[in-house]
Amino acid sequence: MEDLDTPRVVPGAADAILRTLEAHGLEWDEPPLWQSTRLPAYEAALEALRRRGLVYACDCSRRELAGAYPGTCRDRRDVPPPHALRLRLGTAPLTFRDRWQDEQHFDPARLGDPVIRRRDGLFAYQLAVVVDDAWQAITDVVRGADLLDSTPWQLAIFEALGATPPRYAHVPLVTEPDGRKLAKSRRSIPVRTSSPGANLHEALRLLGQSPPEALSAEPPTVILAWAQLNWRPQPLENRAEIAVREMFGPKPRL
């Protein structure tokens, strides 16, 4: 559970996420892990990177930067606090093969060195997610294509820590009819737990599968079992997004 960004943590949100997953038959093998309990592990990883000379302080503000970070503070000494900490990337191209988005190539100069601890002292997502995936021995990560550009940063951190990275599969992002991603800030309709079977059935259709119409009345366990046996990855390959209108037409105004 990614709860490191304490100013943005909404009380009750984590419990709602877990209850929604349970209602849809999506269970976990081990108890959920809260990142807020892992601070010593992140500090140890940061210290390991420091010892290798891969960390430097940066006091550039977002207002000063446009596009990729240009390495302004890479060679500065005694940067005054408050400052963020960045990982020093190498110069070799960062490449990996995504299971659904094919071969990916990234130029470190165009990416910029990622922040691994923010200027407010909070550990950044890029570092925390790598440390947690390595500790839990995660073999496969399936997530939205909006995080595809974060993957080379995370692979660089895996390499710097001497850890084995997982395989990645970035699925198309579901977007609103106007092309923007679903978000609470735009009052996108949340998943309702009252009709989990119908929800899963519609999700399968949206992902380019062909579930029988009668399957929508079945419990989640039956629908998920059908999906495992009949899954076709081809409709998702090399696609960054899927608009809701493609399958269901425009969302009605509320």
Foldseek 3Di string as FASTA:
>chain_A
DECLVPVPDDPPPVVVVVVLCVLLVNDDDDPDDYLVVCVVLLVVLVVLQVVVVFKDWAADDPVNDDAADQCPCVPPPPDDALTFMWGHDDQDWQWDQAPFQGIDIHGCNRHYTDTQAGSVGTGDPLSSVLSVCQVVVPAEDEEALVCVSSVSNNVRSCVSSVGDDHHYHHFAAEPAPVRHGDDVVVPHPDDDSPQSLLVLVVVCVQQVHDDDPVSSPPRSVVSVVVCVVRPDSVSGHNHHHGYPCVRPRHDDDD
